[in-house]
Protein backbone atom coordinates (compact mmCIF):
# COMPACT_ATOMS: atom_id res chain seq x y z
CA MET A 1 -36.08 -10.38 -18.96
CA HIS A 2 -39.42 -10.38 -17.10
CA ARG A 3 -40.33 -13.74 -15.56
CA ASP A 4 -43.15 -15.25 -13.53
CA MET A 5 -42.42 -14.89 -9.81
CA GLY A 6 -42.19 -18.65 -9.36
CA SER A 7 -39.90 -19.37 -12.29
CA ARG A 8 -36.17 -20.00 -11.98
CA PRO A 9 -33.87 -17.74 -14.03
CA ALA A 10 -32.32 -19.38 -17.06
CA TYR A 11 -28.58 -19.95 -17.32
CA SER A 12 -28.40 -17.17 -19.91
CA ASP A 13 -29.92 -14.79 -17.35
CA TYR A 14 -27.21 -15.63 -14.82
CA ARG A 15 -24.52 -15.02 -17.40
CA LEU A 16 -26.06 -11.70 -18.47
CA HIS A 17 -26.30 -10.59 -14.83
CA ILE A 18 -22.65 -11.38 -14.18
CA GLU A 19 -21.59 -9.50 -17.30
CA THR A 20 -23.69 -6.51 -16.23
CA LEU A 21 -22.13 -6.44 -12.77
CA LEU A 22 -18.63 -6.81 -14.18
CA LYS A 23 -19.17 -3.94 -16.61
CA ALA A 24 -20.45 -1.74 -13.78
CA ALA A 25 -17.35 -2.44 -11.68
CA LEU A 26 -14.94 -1.83 -14.56
CA LEU A 27 -16.63 1.42 -15.56
CA ALA A 28 -16.48 2.73 -11.99
CA ALA A 29 -12.73 2.01 -11.86
CA ASP A 30 -11.90 3.07 -15.42
CA PRO A 31 -9.05 5.63 -15.19
CA ALA A 32 -10.10 7.86 -18.08
CA ALA A 33 -13.77 7.83 -17.10
CA ALA A 34 -12.86 8.65 -13.50
CA VAL A 35 -10.85 11.70 -14.60
CA ARG A 36 -13.68 12.91 -16.81
CA ARG A 37 -16.23 12.48 -14.00
CA CYS A 38 -14.24 14.26 -11.31
CA PHE A 39 -12.27 16.92 -13.18
CA VAL A 40 -14.47 19.99 -13.76
CA SER A 41 -13.86 23.29 -15.53
CA SER A 42 -13.97 25.30 -12.30
CA ASP A 43 -10.82 23.46 -11.16
CA PHE A 44 -8.64 25.35 -13.61
CA GLU A 45 -10.53 28.60 -14.13
CA GLY A 46 -8.36 31.57 -13.27
CA ALA A 47 -5.09 29.63 -13.50
CA ALA A 48 -2.38 31.50 -15.40
CA LYS A 49 -0.70 28.26 -16.43
CA VAL A 50 -1.71 24.63 -15.97
CA PHE A 51 0.95 21.93 -15.62
CA LEU A 52 0.17 18.22 -15.76
CA VAL A 53 2.31 15.68 -13.89
CA GLY A 54 1.73 12.13 -12.77
CA ALA A 55 2.89 8.59 -12.29
CA GLY A 56 1.33 5.16 -12.23
CA LYS A 57 0.13 2.20 -14.20
CA ALA A 58 -2.97 4.15 -15.24
CA GLY A 59 -0.92 7.23 -16.13
CA ALA A 60 -1.41 7.07 -19.89
CA ALA A 61 -5.20 6.73 -19.76
CA MET A 62 -5.49 9.42 -17.09
CA GLY A 63 -3.13 11.69 -19.01
CA TYR A 64 -5.09 11.45 -22.25
CA ALA A 65 -8.35 12.21 -20.44
CA ALA A 66 -6.93 15.18 -18.52
CA ALA A 67 -5.23 16.60 -21.62
CA SER A 68 -8.49 16.43 -23.59
CA ILE A 69 -10.29 18.35 -20.83
CA LEU A 70 -7.58 20.96 -20.39
CA ALA A 71 -7.07 21.38 -24.15
CA ASN A 72 -5.32 24.68 -24.92
CA ARG A 73 -5.17 25.60 -21.23
CA LEU A 74 -2.46 22.98 -20.74
CA THR A 75 1.04 24.45 -20.68
CA LEU A 76 3.18 21.29 -20.37
CA GLY A 77 2.91 17.83 -18.89
CA ILE A 78 5.17 14.95 -17.83
CA ILE A 79 3.82 11.55 -16.77
CA ALA A 80 5.80 8.46 -15.74
CA VAL A 81 4.28 5.23 -17.08
CA PRO A 82 5.30 1.54 -17.21
CA ASN A 83 4.94 1.35 -21.00
CA LEU A 84 5.01 4.12 -23.58
CA PRO A 85 1.79 4.50 -25.60
CA PRO A 86 2.11 4.84 -29.40
CA THR A 87 1.37 8.57 -29.27
CA ALA A 88 1.06 11.35 -26.69
CA PRO A 89 -1.30 14.33 -26.39
CA ASP A 90 0.02 17.72 -27.44
CA ARG A 91 2.40 19.23 -24.86
CA VAL A 92 2.50 15.99 -22.83
CA ARG A 93 5.60 13.82 -22.52
CA PHE A 94 5.37 10.23 -21.31
CA ILE A 95 8.51 8.77 -19.73
CA ARG A 96 8.92 5.04 -19.16
CA GLY A 97 9.89 4.22 -15.59
CA GLY A 98 10.61 0.93 -13.86
CA HIS A 99 8.42 -1.32 -11.74
CA PRO A 100 8.61 -2.68 -9.05
CA ILE A 101 12.18 -1.33 -8.80
CA PRO A 102 12.95 2.21 -10.07
CA THR A 103 15.16 2.49 -13.13
CA GLU A 104 17.09 5.21 -14.94
CA GLY A 105 13.78 6.05 -16.59
CA SER A 106 12.18 6.57 -13.17
CA LEU A 107 15.00 8.95 -12.26
CA ALA A 108 14.73 10.74 -15.61
CA ALA A 109 11.02 11.27 -14.96
CA GLY A 110 11.73 12.66 -11.48
CA LEU A 111 14.39 15.06 -12.74
CA ALA A 112 12.25 16.23 -15.64
CA MET A 113 9.29 16.80 -13.35
CA ALA A 114 11.39 18.77 -10.86
CA ASP A 115 12.67 20.98 -13.69
CA LEU A 116 9.13 21.56 -14.95
CA LEU A 117 7.75 22.44 -11.51
CA ALA A 118 10.60 24.86 -10.85
CA GLU A 119 8.82 27.20 -13.29
CA THR A 120 5.56 27.48 -11.32
CA LYS A 121 4.15 30.73 -9.95
CA PRO A 122 1.52 31.38 -7.25
CA ASP A 123 -1.30 31.75 -9.77
CA ASP A 124 -0.50 28.48 -11.59
CA LEU A 125 -2.19 25.10 -11.20
CA VAL A 126 -0.43 21.74 -11.10
CA VAL A 127 -2.66 18.73 -11.77
CA ALA A 128 -1.13 15.51 -10.46
CA LEU A 129 -2.46 12.19 -11.79
CA ILE A 130 -1.56 9.44 -9.32
CA SER A 131 -2.21 5.70 -9.55
CA GLY A 132 -0.76 2.44 -8.30
CA GLY A 133 2.83 1.69 -9.26
CA GLY A 134 3.86 5.33 -9.09
CA SER A 135 6.31 4.68 -6.26
CA ALA A 136 8.76 2.92 -8.56
CA LEU A 137 7.89 4.66 -11.82
CA LEU A 138 8.82 8.10 -10.48
CA GLU A 139 11.91 8.68 -8.33
CA LEU A 140 14.17 11.44 -7.12
CA PRO A 141 16.68 10.39 -4.41
CA ARG A 142 17.47 12.72 -1.54
CA GLU A 143 20.80 14.49 -1.51
CA GLY A 144 23.69 12.11 -0.90
CA LEU A 145 21.80 9.05 -2.17
CA SER A 146 22.02 7.46 -5.60
CA LEU A 147 19.53 5.57 -7.73
CA GLU A 148 21.59 2.43 -7.03
CA ASP A 149 21.16 3.01 -3.28
CA LEU A 150 17.40 3.13 -3.67
CA GLN A 151 17.30 0.14 -6.01
CA ALA A 152 19.20 -2.03 -3.52
CA THR A 153 17.05 -0.85 -0.62
CA TYR A 154 13.72 -1.36 -2.36
CA ALA A 155 14.76 -4.81 -3.62
CA ALA A 156 15.70 -5.81 -0.06
CA LEU A 157 12.38 -4.52 1.25
CA LEU A 158 10.45 -6.53 -1.32
CA ARG A 159 12.34 -9.68 -0.35
CA SER A 160 11.82 -9.06 3.37
CA GLY A 161 8.07 -9.59 3.37
CA ALA A 162 7.39 -6.08 4.72
CA THR A 163 3.90 -4.69 4.19
CA ILE A 164 3.30 -1.85 1.74
CA THR A 165 2.85 0.52 4.68
CA GLU A 166 6.22 -0.53 6.08
CA VAL A 167 7.90 -0.28 2.69
CA ASN A 168 6.54 3.23 2.27
CA ALA A 169 7.81 4.25 5.71
CA VAL A 170 11.33 3.68 4.36
CA ARG A 171 10.71 5.00 0.87
CA ARG A 172 9.40 8.32 2.19
CA ARG A 173 12.69 9.10 3.94
CA LEU A 174 14.85 8.34 0.92
CA SER A 175 12.94 10.19 -1.79
CA ARG A 176 12.25 13.83 -2.61
CA ILE A 177 9.07 12.83 -4.47
CA LYS A 178 7.18 10.77 -1.92
CA ALA A 179 5.18 11.79 1.18
CA GLY A 180 4.05 15.02 -0.44
CA GLY A 181 7.42 15.76 -2.01
CA LEU A 182 5.90 16.27 -5.46
CA ALA A 183 3.45 18.83 -4.06
CA LEU A 184 6.29 20.64 -2.29
CA LEU A 185 8.28 20.80 -5.54
CA ALA A 186 5.25 22.47 -7.13
CA ARG A 187 5.18 25.34 -4.64
CA PRO A 188 4.05 28.10 -4.82
CA ALA A 189 1.44 26.82 -7.32
CA ARG A 190 -1.89 25.30 -6.33
CA VAL A 191 -1.90 21.49 -6.56
CA LEU A 192 -4.85 19.28 -7.45
CA GLY A 193 -4.19 15.57 -6.97
CA LEU A 194 -6.50 13.17 -8.82
CA ILE A 195 -5.86 9.76 -7.31
CA LEU A 196 -6.84 6.30 -8.53
CA SER A 197 -6.53 4.13 -5.42
CA ASP A 198 -5.49 0.49 -5.53
CA VAL A 199 -5.18 0.02 -1.76
CA VAL A 200 -7.72 -1.01 0.86
CA GLY A 201 -8.78 2.00 2.90
CA ASN A 202 -7.63 4.52 0.26
CA SER A 203 -4.91 6.04 2.44
CA LEU A 204 -3.48 8.93 0.46
CA ASP A 205 0.03 8.35 1.77
CA VAL A 206 0.02 4.73 0.57
CA VAL A 207 -1.08 5.12 -3.07
CA ALA A 208 2.22 5.55 -4.98
CA SER A 209 3.78 6.56 -1.61
CA GLY A 210 1.67 9.72 -1.51
CA PRO A 211 3.51 12.20 -3.77
CA THR A 212 0.81 14.82 -3.15
CA ALA A 213 -0.14 13.70 0.38
CA ILE A 214 1.97 15.95 2.57
CA SER A 215 2.33 14.12 5.87
CA GLU A 216 4.72 13.91 8.78
CA THR A 217 7.48 11.33 8.37
CA THR A 218 10.34 10.31 10.62
CA SER A 219 13.53 8.35 10.14
CA GLY A 220 12.66 6.52 13.35
CA ASP A 221 9.75 4.89 11.56
CA ALA A 222 12.03 3.79 8.71
CA LEU A 223 14.72 2.40 11.01
CA ALA A 224 12.08 0.50 12.99
CA VAL A 225 11.04 -1.31 9.80
CA ILE A 226 14.65 -2.08 8.89
CA ASP A 227 15.33 -3.50 12.35
CA ARG A 228 12.06 -5.44 12.43
CA TYR A 229 13.17 -7.39 9.37
CA GLN A 230 16.87 -7.47 10.37
CA MET A 231 17.97 -5.67 7.21
CA ARG A 232 20.85 -3.48 8.40
CA SER A 233 23.46 -5.85 7.00
CA THR A 234 21.77 -5.98 3.60
CA LEU A 235 21.32 -2.26 2.93
CA PRO A 236 23.85 0.20 1.44
CA GLY A 237 25.85 2.02 4.09
CA THR A 238 24.86 5.34 2.56
CA VAL A 239 21.19 4.60 3.21
CA LEU A 240 21.75 3.63 6.83
CA ASP A 241 23.99 6.64 7.42
CA HIS A 242 21.34 8.90 5.93
CA LEU A 243 18.57 7.52 8.17
CA VAL A 244 20.68 7.54 11.31
CA LYS A 245 21.86 11.09 10.66
CA LEU A 246 18.28 12.29 10.30
CA GLY A 247 17.34 10.45 13.49
CA SER A 248 13.84 11.07 14.80
CA SER A 249 13.46 14.45 13.15
CA SER A 250 10.18 14.93 11.34
CA GLU A 251 9.16 16.78 8.23
CA ILE A 252 5.83 18.28 7.35
CA GLY A 253 4.97 20.85 4.74
CA ASP A 254 2.26 23.42 4.13
CA THR A 255 -0.94 21.74 2.91
CA SER A 256 -3.03 24.87 2.33
CA SER A 257 -2.54 24.90 -1.45
CA VAL A 258 -3.03 21.14 -1.98
CA GLU A 259 -6.31 19.36 -2.70
CA ASN A 260 -6.43 15.58 -3.16
CA ARG A 261 -9.39 13.64 -4.56
CA ILE A 262 -9.86 9.88 -4.67
CA ILE A 263 -11.52 9.63 -8.06
CA ALA A 264 -11.84 5.83 -8.24
CA SER A 265 -11.17 2.92 -5.89
CA ASN A 266 -12.25 -0.58 -4.90
CA ARG A 267 -15.03 1.04 -2.87
CA HIS A 268 -16.35 2.87 -5.93
CA ALA A 269 -16.32 -0.39 -7.91
CA GLY A 270 -18.15 -2.22 -5.11
CA GLU A 271 -20.80 0.47 -4.83
CA ALA A 272 -21.34 0.35 -8.60
CA VAL A 273 -21.86 -3.42 -8.43
CA VAL A 274 -24.38 -3.06 -5.60
CA SER A 275 -26.27 -0.39 -7.55
CA ALA A 276 -26.33 -2.53 -10.69
CA ALA A 277 -27.48 -5.57 -8.73
CA LYS A 278 -30.37 -3.61 -7.21
CA GLU A 279 -31.38 -2.48 -10.69
CA LEU A 280 -31.34 -6.07 -11.95
CA ALA A 281 -33.46 -7.18 -9.01
CA ARG A 282 -36.18 -4.75 -10.08
CA LEU A 283 -36.42 -6.25 -13.57
């Protein structure tokens, strides 16, 4: 590919360069490769049992990679995915959830995960594989709310034009999974969240509504979104009653046993492209 300094690159060179940059970006964002790069043996050394949970569009690829690394150390795993792969790793169960609205499958995944995590002990490790789409694929309504309540609310939010941050402000107050709820269900075990980010800024509480990102949430935030888009008349009464009853009270849990890692994102893909471009420029 060496050329005289004054020569113009051929069309074939341009095409090869574009393909090289594209491959670099895709590899940096590849779910399985990201898990293999960022998941090291010291993460699970000393753990009595290792449980694998997760949700998202990349759940299957991440699950296969994590299961291959954990091997016989893996006790059991449950991962909510949009489509069931032909097979599953040993001791891992894939459950098909719904997207962009949660379905009975999403609820089944939430219930199964809660049952699994109820078995954890202080010396166990829970590995959570989180990627975009997990908000709808994995669901567990708060007490007094039904799946139908959440379906109607989320559908109304999607129609309203609310931003993903605003949507999540409501979702967090209606779900036992979101805003760190999954990590709280895993107590007293240690939690390691491996997160594939699909949002600008990589906010942990935005990707899949932050199931392992324990953060303060208030019903006041949720009601503000509902009023901003004039949605009170379109939401189930049970949902409004739930939010009003909770009022401005906040919730925050213990974060000492939770570690979250962004293992791949748009930023990682961009940096890989820049690195590849610099390498091409030296040729």
